[in-house]
Every structure is written in C-alpha cells, then in structure tokens.
Protein backbone atom coordinates (compact mmCIF):
# COMPACT_ATOMS: atom_id res chain seq x y z
CA MET A 1 -22.86 3.21 -41.44
CA LEU A 2 -19.71 5.32 -41.11
CA PRO A 3 -16.89 4.32 -43.48
CA ARG A 4 -14.26 2.20 -41.73
CA ILE A 5 -10.57 2.60 -42.45
CA HIS A 6 -10.28 -1.15 -41.83
CA HIS A 7 -12.16 -1.93 -45.06
CA ALA A 8 -9.19 -1.23 -47.34
CA GLN A 9 -6.79 -2.96 -44.94
CA ILE A 10 -8.82 -6.17 -44.93
CA GLU A 11 -9.22 -6.09 -48.71
CA LYS A 12 -5.44 -5.77 -49.03
CA ALA A 13 -4.88 -8.64 -46.60
CA LEU A 14 -7.28 -10.87 -48.55
CA SER A 15 -5.36 -10.07 -51.73
CA GLU A 16 -2.14 -11.28 -50.09
CA GLN A 17 -3.19 -14.17 -47.85
CA ALA A 18 -5.49 -17.17 -48.05
CA GLY A 19 -7.46 -15.96 -45.08
CA VAL A 20 -7.98 -13.15 -42.61
CA VAL A 21 -8.99 -13.58 -38.96
CA LEU A 22 -10.94 -10.46 -37.97
CA LEU A 23 -10.97 -10.10 -34.19
CA GLY A 24 -12.85 -7.70 -31.98
CA PRO A 25 -15.43 -7.48 -29.19
CA ARG A 26 -19.07 -8.08 -29.97
CA GLN A 27 -21.10 -5.26 -31.53
CA VAL A 28 -17.98 -3.52 -32.82
CA GLY A 29 -19.07 -3.91 -36.46
CA LYS A 30 -17.29 -7.07 -37.63
CA THR A 31 -20.32 -8.59 -39.34
CA THR A 32 -21.35 -5.35 -41.05
CA LEU A 33 -17.83 -4.84 -42.40
CA ALA A 34 -17.51 -8.46 -43.53
CA LEU A 35 -20.84 -8.34 -45.38
CA ASP A 36 -19.79 -5.12 -47.11
CA ILE A 37 -16.65 -6.88 -48.34
CA ALA A 38 -18.61 -9.99 -49.33
CA GLU A 39 -20.98 -7.92 -51.49
CA THR A 40 -18.11 -7.06 -53.83
CA ARG A 41 -17.09 -10.70 -54.31
CA ASP A 42 -18.49 -14.13 -55.03
CA ALA A 43 -18.95 -15.08 -51.39
CA ALA A 44 -20.84 -17.27 -48.92
CA TYR A 45 -21.71 -16.25 -45.35
CA LEU A 46 -22.22 -18.56 -42.36
CA ASP A 47 -22.99 -17.56 -38.77
CA MET A 48 -21.99 -20.10 -36.12
CA GLU A 49 -24.62 -18.73 -33.75
CA ARG A 50 -27.32 -20.06 -36.11
CA PRO A 51 -27.96 -23.79 -35.61
CA ALA A 52 -28.68 -24.29 -39.33
CA ASP A 53 -25.31 -22.81 -40.31
CA ARG A 54 -23.52 -24.84 -37.65
CA GLN A 55 -25.09 -27.97 -39.07
CA VAL A 56 -23.79 -27.08 -42.54
CA LEU A 57 -20.25 -27.29 -41.15
CA GLU A 58 -20.69 -30.46 -39.12
CA GLU A 59 -18.94 -32.15 -42.06
CA PRO A 60 -16.94 -29.11 -43.18
CA ASP A 61 -15.14 -30.60 -46.17
CA LEU A 62 -18.41 -31.65 -47.81
CA TYR A 63 -19.56 -28.03 -47.88
CA LEU A 64 -16.26 -26.20 -48.31
CA ASP A 65 -15.11 -28.35 -51.25
CA GLU A 66 -18.07 -26.96 -53.18
CA GLN A 67 -17.06 -23.37 -52.33
CA ALA A 68 -13.55 -23.52 -53.81
CA GLY A 69 -12.71 -20.20 -55.45
CA ARG A 70 -15.28 -18.27 -53.40
CA LEU A 71 -14.73 -16.17 -50.31
CA VAL A 72 -16.26 -17.99 -47.33
CA VAL A 73 -17.14 -15.73 -44.38
CA ILE A 74 -17.58 -17.59 -41.08
CA ASP A 75 -18.94 -15.48 -38.21
CA GLU A 76 -18.30 -16.26 -34.50
CA VAL A 77 -15.87 -18.96 -35.57
CA GLN A 78 -14.64 -19.49 -31.99
CA LEU A 79 -17.89 -21.37 -31.29
CA MET A 80 -16.58 -24.24 -33.45
CA PRO A 81 -12.90 -24.54 -32.45
CA GLY A 82 -12.62 -27.94 -34.12
CA LEU A 83 -13.14 -26.21 -37.47
CA PHE A 84 -9.63 -24.79 -37.65
CA GLY A 85 -8.02 -28.11 -38.59
CA ALA A 86 -10.40 -28.51 -41.52
CA LEU A 87 -9.70 -24.95 -42.64
CA ARG A 88 -5.98 -25.66 -42.68
CA GLY A 89 -6.53 -28.59 -45.02
CA GLN A 90 -8.88 -26.55 -47.20
CA ILE A 91 -6.37 -23.72 -47.55
CA ASP A 92 -3.57 -26.12 -48.48
CA ARG A 93 -5.66 -27.93 -51.08
CA ARG A 94 -6.87 -24.66 -52.59
CA ARG A 95 -3.33 -23.37 -52.82
CA ARG A 96 -2.33 -26.45 -54.80
CA ALA A 97 -5.31 -25.85 -57.08
CA GLY A 98 -4.17 -22.28 -57.73
CA HIS A 99 -6.50 -20.45 -55.30
CA ARG A 100 -3.85 -18.87 -53.09
CA THR A 101 -5.55 -15.75 -51.72
CA GLY A 102 -8.93 -14.44 -50.58
CA GLN A 103 -10.42 -17.74 -49.50
CA PHE A 104 -11.63 -17.25 -45.92
CA LEU A 105 -12.70 -14.34 -43.71
CA LEU A 106 -13.10 -15.59 -40.14
CA LEU A 107 -14.80 -13.38 -37.55
CA GLY A 108 -14.39 -13.92 -33.85
CA SER A 109 -15.00 -12.25 -30.52
CA ALA A 110 -11.41 -12.30 -29.31
CA SER A 111 -10.65 -14.95 -26.74
CA ASP A 112 -7.67 -16.93 -25.57
CA SER A 113 -9.12 -20.16 -26.95
CA LEU A 114 -9.71 -18.61 -30.38
CA LEU A 115 -6.18 -17.26 -30.62
CA GLN A 116 -4.59 -20.53 -29.51
CA GLN A 117 -6.63 -22.71 -31.86
CA SER A 118 -6.10 -20.54 -34.90
CA ALA A 119 -2.42 -19.90 -34.16
CA GLU A 120 -1.70 -23.63 -33.98
CA SER A 121 -3.73 -24.67 -37.01
CA LEU A 122 -3.47 -21.73 -39.38
CA ALA A 123 0.04 -20.40 -38.78
CA GLY A 124 1.40 -18.88 -41.99
CA ARG A 125 -1.95 -19.21 -43.72
CA VAL A 126 -3.92 -16.28 -42.31
CA ARG A 127 -3.38 -12.68 -41.24
CA TYR A 128 -4.85 -11.34 -38.03
CA HIS A 129 -6.61 -7.98 -37.99
CA GLU A 130 -8.14 -6.22 -35.00
CA LEU A 131 -11.33 -4.27 -35.60
CA THR A 132 -11.44 -1.49 -33.04
CA PRO A 133 -14.43 0.60 -32.05
CA LEU A 134 -14.76 3.79 -34.09
CA MET A 135 -11.71 6.01 -33.90
CA LEU A 136 -11.54 9.80 -34.25
CA GLU A 137 -10.31 9.66 -37.86
CA GLU A 138 -13.45 7.66 -38.73
CA ALA A 139 -15.94 9.68 -36.68
CA GLY A 140 -14.47 13.05 -37.67
CA GLN A 141 -12.77 15.78 -35.63
CA GLY A 142 -16.11 17.52 -35.08
CA ALA A 143 -17.37 14.47 -33.20
CA LEU A 144 -14.48 14.31 -30.72
CA GLN A 145 -16.51 15.15 -27.60
CA GLN A 146 -19.34 12.77 -28.54
CA LEU A 147 -16.91 9.96 -29.36
CA TRP A 148 -15.03 10.42 -26.10
CA LEU A 149 -18.23 10.45 -24.02
CA ARG A 150 -20.12 7.64 -25.79
CA GLY A 151 -17.24 5.51 -27.01
CA GLY A 152 -16.76 3.97 -30.42
CA PHE A 153 -19.22 1.08 -30.54
CA PRO A 154 -21.34 2.15 -33.53
CA ASP A 155 -24.75 1.72 -31.89
CA SER A 156 -23.61 3.71 -28.86
CA PHE A 157 -21.93 6.47 -30.84
CA LEU A 158 -24.87 6.88 -33.25
CA ALA A 159 -27.62 6.73 -30.60
CA THR A 160 -30.29 9.43 -30.71
CA SER A 161 -29.30 10.88 -27.33
CA ASP A 162 -26.74 10.57 -24.54
CA ARG A 163 -29.37 8.77 -22.45
CA ALA A 164 -30.07 6.26 -25.24
CA SER A 165 -26.35 5.73 -25.69
CA LEU A 166 -25.81 5.06 -21.99
CA THR A 167 -28.73 2.61 -21.96
CA TRP A 168 -27.22 0.74 -24.92
CA ARG A 169 -23.85 0.46 -23.18
CA ALA A 170 -25.44 -0.70 -19.92
CA ASP A 171 -27.26 -3.44 -21.84
CA PHE A 172 -24.04 -4.34 -23.65
CA ILE A 173 -22.18 -4.78 -20.36
CA ARG A 174 -24.99 -6.87 -18.89
CA THR A 175 -25.13 -9.11 -21.95
CA TYR A 176 -21.38 -9.65 -21.91
CA LEU A 177 -21.40 -10.57 -18.24
CA GLU A 178 -24.50 -12.77 -18.22
CA ARG A 179 -24.37 -14.43 -21.66
CA ASP A 180 -21.23 -13.92 -23.70
CA ILE A 181 -18.55 -14.66 -21.12
CA PRO A 182 -20.30 -17.83 -19.85
CA ALA A 183 -20.56 -18.92 -23.52
CA PHE A 184 -16.76 -19.21 -23.53
CA GLY A 185 -17.06 -21.82 -20.78
CA LEU A 186 -15.73 -19.49 -18.09
CA ARG A 187 -17.30 -19.88 -14.67
CA ILE A 188 -16.91 -16.47 -13.09
CA PRO A 189 -19.79 -14.93 -11.11
CA SER A 190 -21.15 -12.09 -13.23
CA GLU A 191 -21.58 -9.77 -10.24
CA THR A 192 -17.97 -10.30 -9.16
CA LEU A 193 -16.71 -9.58 -12.66
CA ARG A 194 -18.89 -6.47 -12.88
CA ARG A 195 -17.42 -5.16 -9.64
CA PHE A 196 -13.92 -5.86 -10.90
CA TRP A 197 -14.61 -4.15 -14.23
CA THR A 198 -16.06 -1.14 -12.37
CA MET A 199 -13.06 -0.96 -10.06
CA LEU A 200 -10.81 -0.82 -13.12
CA ALA A 201 -12.92 2.03 -14.51
CA HIS A 202 -12.43 3.99 -11.27
CA GLU A 203 -8.67 3.44 -11.64
CA GLN A 204 -8.59 4.30 -15.37
CA GLY A 205 -4.96 4.77 -16.36
CA GLY A 206 -3.61 3.85 -12.93
CA LEU A 207 -0.92 1.34 -12.09
CA LEU A 208 -2.24 -2.15 -11.50
CA ASN A 209 -2.43 -2.95 -7.79
CA ALA A 210 -3.61 -6.55 -7.75
CA ALA A 211 -3.45 -6.84 -3.96
CA ARG A 212 -5.78 -3.88 -3.43
CA LEU A 213 -8.22 -5.16 -6.06
CA ALA A 214 -8.19 -8.62 -4.51
CA ALA A 215 -8.89 -7.19 -1.05
CA GLY A 216 -11.76 -5.11 -2.43
CA LEU A 217 -13.33 -8.11 -4.12
CA GLY A 218 -12.61 -10.62 -1.37
CA VAL A 219 -10.79 -12.96 -3.77
CA SER A 220 -7.22 -14.12 -4.25
CA GLY A 221 -4.54 -12.36 -6.26
CA GLN A 222 -4.63 -15.29 -8.70
CA SER A 223 -8.34 -14.66 -9.30
CA VAL A 224 -7.66 -10.99 -10.03
CA ALA A 225 -5.00 -12.01 -12.55
CA ARG A 226 -7.47 -14.42 -14.17
CA TYR A 227 -10.22 -11.77 -14.40
CA LEU A 228 -7.80 -9.28 -15.93
CA ASP A 229 -6.48 -11.81 -18.45
CA LEU A 230 -10.06 -12.51 -19.51
CA LEU A 231 -10.95 -8.86 -20.13
CA VAL A 232 -7.67 -8.32 -21.99
CA ASP A 233 -8.31 -11.40 -24.17
CA LEU A 234 -11.79 -10.08 -24.99
CA MET A 235 -10.19 -6.78 -26.06
CA LEU A 236 -12.18 -4.84 -23.48
CA VAL A 237 -9.21 -3.83 -21.30
CA ARG A 238 -5.70 -2.72 -22.26
CA ARG A 239 -2.78 -3.72 -20.07
CA LEU A 240 -0.09 -1.19 -21.06
CA PRO A 241 3.32 -2.58 -20.07
CA PRO A 242 6.09 -0.48 -18.54
CA TRP A 243 9.21 0.27 -20.57
CA HIS A 244 11.84 -2.23 -19.50
CA ALA A 245 14.81 -2.03 -21.90
CA ASN A 246 16.88 0.30 -19.69
CA ALA A 247 18.23 -2.07 -17.04
CA GLY A 248 20.32 0.67 -15.45
CA LYS A 249 17.32 2.63 -14.18
CA ARG A 250 14.91 1.91 -11.35
CA LEU A 251 11.69 1.76 -13.31
CA VAL A 252 8.11 1.05 -12.34
CA LYS A 253 7.35 -2.60 -13.07
CA SER A 254 3.56 -2.67 -12.77
CA PRO A 255 1.48 -2.19 -15.94
CA LYS A 256 -1.09 0.52 -16.39
CA VAL A 257 -4.67 -0.62 -16.98
CA TYR A 258 -7.32 1.08 -19.13
CA ILE A 259 -10.88 0.24 -20.13
CA ARG A 260 -10.21 0.34 -23.87
CA ASP A 261 -13.47 1.98 -24.90
CA ALA A 262 -14.02 5.24 -23.03
CA GLY A 263 -17.79 4.90 -23.41
CA LEU A 264 -17.79 1.58 -21.54
CA ALA A 265 -15.70 3.11 -18.76
CA HIS A 266 -18.22 5.95 -18.46
CA ALA A 267 -21.14 3.50 -18.42
CA LEU A 268 -19.52 1.49 -15.62
CA LEU A 269 -19.17 4.77 -13.69
CA GLY A 270 -22.71 5.97 -14.49
CA VAL A 271 -21.45 9.04 -16.39
CA GLU A 272 -24.16 10.16 -18.85
CA THR A 273 -23.46 13.74 -19.94
CA PRO A 274 -20.42 15.82 -20.96
CA GLU A 275 -20.88 17.94 -17.83
CA ALA A 276 -20.85 14.87 -15.59
CA LEU A 277 -17.70 13.61 -17.30
CA LEU A 278 -15.82 16.89 -16.96
CA GLY A 279 -16.67 17.00 -13.25
CA HIS A 280 -15.73 13.38 -12.55
CA PRO A 281 -12.41 12.46 -10.85
CA VAL A 282 -11.65 10.00 -13.67
CA VAL A 283 -11.73 12.66 -16.40
CA GLY A 284 -7.95 12.82 -16.76
CA GLY A 285 -7.47 9.07 -16.95
CA SER A 286 -10.43 8.76 -19.31
CA TRP A 287 -8.97 11.33 -21.73
CA GLU A 288 -5.56 9.66 -21.54
CA GLY A 289 -7.01 6.24 -22.33
CA PHE A 290 -9.12 7.65 -25.18
CA CYS A 291 -6.06 9.25 -26.77
CA ILE A 292 -3.89 6.16 -26.28
CA GLU A 293 -6.41 3.93 -28.10
CA ASN A 294 -6.56 6.35 -31.03
CA LEU A 295 -2.79 6.70 -31.24
CA ILE A 296 -2.11 2.96 -31.10
CA ALA A 297 -4.81 2.29 -33.71
CA ALA A 298 -3.21 4.83 -36.07
CA ALA A 299 0.35 3.51 -35.63
CA PRO A 300 1.88 1.18 -38.24
CA ARG A 301 1.30 -2.55 -37.95
CA GLY A 302 3.88 -4.10 -35.62
CA THR A 303 4.25 -1.02 -33.39
CA GLU A 304 4.83 -1.81 -29.71
CA ALA A 305 3.31 0.38 -27.00
CA ALA A 306 4.50 1.00 -23.44
CA PHE A 307 4.81 3.75 -20.84
CA TYR A 308 7.84 5.02 -18.93
CA ARG A 309 8.08 5.92 -15.27
CA SER A 310 11.23 5.97 -13.15
CA SER A 311 11.54 6.15 -9.38
CA ALA A 312 13.07 9.61 -9.84
CA GLY A 313 9.85 10.93 -11.37
CA ALA A 314 10.71 10.93 -15.08
CA GLU A 315 7.56 9.88 -16.93
CA ILE A 316 6.17 9.43 -20.45
CA ASP A 317 2.51 8.50 -20.92
CA LEU A 318 3.03 6.54 -24.14
CA ILE A 319 6.11 5.19 -25.90
CA LEU A 320 5.57 3.83 -29.40
CA THR A 321 8.36 1.66 -30.80
CA LEU A 322 7.83 1.69 -34.56
CA PRO A 323 8.67 -1.33 -36.73
CA GLY A 324 11.98 0.27 -37.80
CA GLY A 325 13.02 0.75 -34.16
CA ALA A 326 12.39 4.49 -33.85
CA LEU A 327 10.84 5.64 -30.57
CA TRP A 328 8.06 8.20 -30.26
CA ALA A 329 7.61 9.74 -26.82
CA ILE A 330 4.07 11.05 -26.33
CA GLU A 331 2.66 13.00 -23.40
CA ILE A 332 -1.11 13.38 -23.08
CA LYS A 333 -2.75 16.26 -21.21
CA ARG A 334 -6.30 17.57 -21.18
CA THR A 335 -5.21 21.18 -21.08
CA THR A 336 -4.94 24.12 -23.47
CA ALA A 337 -1.45 24.98 -22.19
CA PRO A 338 1.12 23.15 -24.34
CA LYS A 339 3.66 22.37 -21.60
CA VAL A 340 5.27 19.19 -20.31
CA THR A 341 7.30 18.52 -17.19
CA ARG A 342 11.07 18.43 -17.05
CA GLY A 343 10.74 14.69 -16.30
CA PHE A 344 9.29 14.11 -19.75
CA HIS A 345 12.30 15.71 -21.46
CA THR A 346 14.67 13.82 -19.16
CA ALA A 347 13.05 10.48 -20.03
CA ALA A 348 12.84 11.28 -23.75
CA ALA A 349 16.54 12.15 -23.79
CA GLU A 350 17.43 8.93 -21.96
CA LEU A 351 15.48 6.92 -24.54
CA GLU A 352 16.83 8.95 -27.48
CA ALA A 353 13.28 9.43 -28.73
CA ALA A 354 13.06 10.30 -32.42
CA GLU A 355 9.83 12.25 -31.90
CA ARG A 356 8.48 14.12 -28.88
CA LEU A 357 4.79 14.94 -28.99
CA LEU A 358 2.32 16.51 -26.61
CA VAL A 359 -1.29 15.62 -27.39
CA TYR A 360 -3.33 18.38 -25.77
CA ALA A 361 -6.80 19.91 -25.93
CA GLY A 362 -5.76 22.91 -28.02
CA GLY A 363 -6.72 23.31 -31.65
CA ARG A 364 -3.40 24.00 -33.36
CA GLU A 365 0.16 22.71 -33.59
CA VAL A 366 2.68 24.55 -31.44
CA PRO A 367 6.46 24.01 -31.39
CA GLY A 368 7.96 23.67 -27.93
CA GLN A 369 11.35 23.38 -26.27
CA GLY A 370 13.66 20.42 -26.79
CA GLY A 371 12.13 19.35 -30.09
CA LEU A 372 8.66 18.96 -28.59
CA ARG A 373 5.62 19.56 -30.78
CA ALA A 374 2.20 20.10 -29.17
CA MET A 375 -0.78 19.17 -31.32
CA PRO A 376 -4.43 18.07 -31.10
CA LEU A 377 -5.24 14.37 -31.17
CA ALA A 378 -6.39 14.44 -34.81
CA ALA A 379 -3.05 15.83 -35.96
CA ALA A 380 -1.07 13.26 -33.97
CA THR A 381 -3.06 10.32 -35.37
CA ALA A 382 -2.70 11.72 -38.89
CA ARG A 383 1.10 11.80 -38.49
CA LEU A 384 1.14 8.19 -37.35
CA ARG A 385 -1.24 7.07 -40.10
CA ALA A 386 1.00 8.72 -42.71
CA LEU A 387 3.77 6.31 -41.73
C-alpha cells in the first residue's frame, strides 16, 4: 500500500479529540488506513456490515464499557445511525474518567444521514476528516499521467493494466448504483442515475444547467437537484460554487460541477488509454478537475474553494480563501505555454489576490507578468501543503 499523508493527520486528531469521523467513498482506503493506525495501539475493530459485529453493538454500552481506554474502530458506522447517541454518552463518561482523547475512530461512506446524525450527537466531541482518493503527492510526480487517467482509488491506480483498471472502475460504478446507494434507503432508478452521472462526466467542469439535464433525463428540475445532492453527499461529485462576495459585479451564479475522481469520469465516458483521453473533447475539463482536487486536498484545513466568472469575461478557474483570509487565484491550463488571459489579471486585481498561480503542463517554475508564477501541479500542491 502507498503511504497516505492522512495517516499523520488522523493520528494528530486522535491525540487531540475523543474521536475522529473518517469520511470518504467506498474503496478509497478507509479500512486499510484505520487498521494501520489500530495496529500501533490497543484497539478493537468492528465492521457494521458483518451481522456478528452489528449484534455486538445491539446493546452498545454493555460492550463499550469494557473497552474504556482502548481505541474502538467502527467501520460503516452510518449503517447503525442510532449508535451515535450511545457514543456521545460513552465519550462523556470516558472524559470524566480521564480518557479524553483517542477513544473512537468512526468510518463512514459519506452521506447526508451520516453527517446529520453525527453532527447532532457528537458536536464538539469528534473531528471530521475526509479521506480522498490518492493524490499526486502520494502517488509521486512520475505517476502523474497514470493517476490522471486511472484516478486515485487504490485498486484502480495499482491495477496491472489500463484495461484492468477500467474494468475495476466499471464494476465500482455498477456496485454503487445497484447496491450501495439503495442501501442508504434512496429509491432512485439505477439506470437513471447512471445516465445522470454520465451526463455530468460529459460536462466535466461546465456550469450546471439543471434545465438541460432534466430535459435530457425526462425528469423534473427538482429530481436533478436531488440526484446532484446525493452524488455530492457521497463525495463522488464536487459542486464548485461561484465567487459571490463582490456584489458590485455581474457574476455567474451557477456552480461548476466536476466528477471528483478523474478515473471515474473516464470510466463513465469509456476512456481506457492515454491516447483516447488526449483525443477526447473532455480532456481540458478532466485535467482542470484533476488539478482542482489535488490543490484543494493540499490546502490548509478550513480553506474555502470557489471560481470567478463575470459577465465581462474575467475568469479565474479556482479561488482558494485560506483560513487567514488571503486569496489565491489559480488558473489551470493543459499547455506548455505559461500564459493567462487578460481577464485573469483583471479578476485577480479586483479580488486583491495575494498569490497568482498558473498550473500548467510544463516542468519548471516560470515567473510571469503581474506577479504571476507558472508552475507544474506538484510544485503548486507543495506550496499549499507548506502552509
């Protein structure tokens, strides 16, 4: 298994909080990471997909009282939403007994119900952490093309061939549509949701046009909103909001939508090889989405992401508002020519951006006009990680 940068972050969170809620889509590596952490501690592991483990927690206090002082890892915790109230009581009792940190590591496939239940019951007692698919700083700069094509789900990225990787992703999509989503109690026809997901892949990085999607699917606009909310909750789609703080400008109000893992987008489009990807109309949007996921993952905790587009044509692909309030304006281009449009500089000046970056396909950092610095993706993520 490739080393995950999240390992140290979760260890730190466990040293500061009673519990950590580790969220992420299925097959992203949550269980593997949690078991690695558990091996270094006195820990117990329970999987709520196993009937025997579910039965152990039918009377949670009877079991958990005996585990005081140990790290208890509970996998797929969203399958037992009633457990959160018991965990709140356990955390409070353990705190009074002197066990204030490192008590629970809860793993869940992100969903609206999971977030609501845990937020209400465990507020102030746990820290949330998102486990992303593999990012470039984990896979290594030499693996950039493979990571972009196959995506960051470990089994897809590490597959023996591009064909094997595509087959894995096709099976993953089918399983999500036919088993995992219905398991959340959501009654959405799997074929309709597949078509919707595929339509989003064809529009990778485009502005959301709910009316056009609804017409293409033969459903209502409310249904499109519900489908999109679901895929966002499951951390499979990113809805990037438009910048809205400048009330004096006529700005685009629709969000941009990206399939978060580039490999899943390519699987939905049937793209198997690097040559097929480079010749596909979605190549620009795919590269943009791939870079955005890496940049957001590398940014400090609490960073807010948006994009900027005015009716006059000024545009910035990604605006990162850092926890201290500083703005980074980032343009993303799959080109070896380190140039941006005048509209980028106009928008960056309007926003008083502290940093202006161009993430491009070249291999070195190049200073540009107006304080712009062009650099490869690895260099840009390293700058953000250093913060």
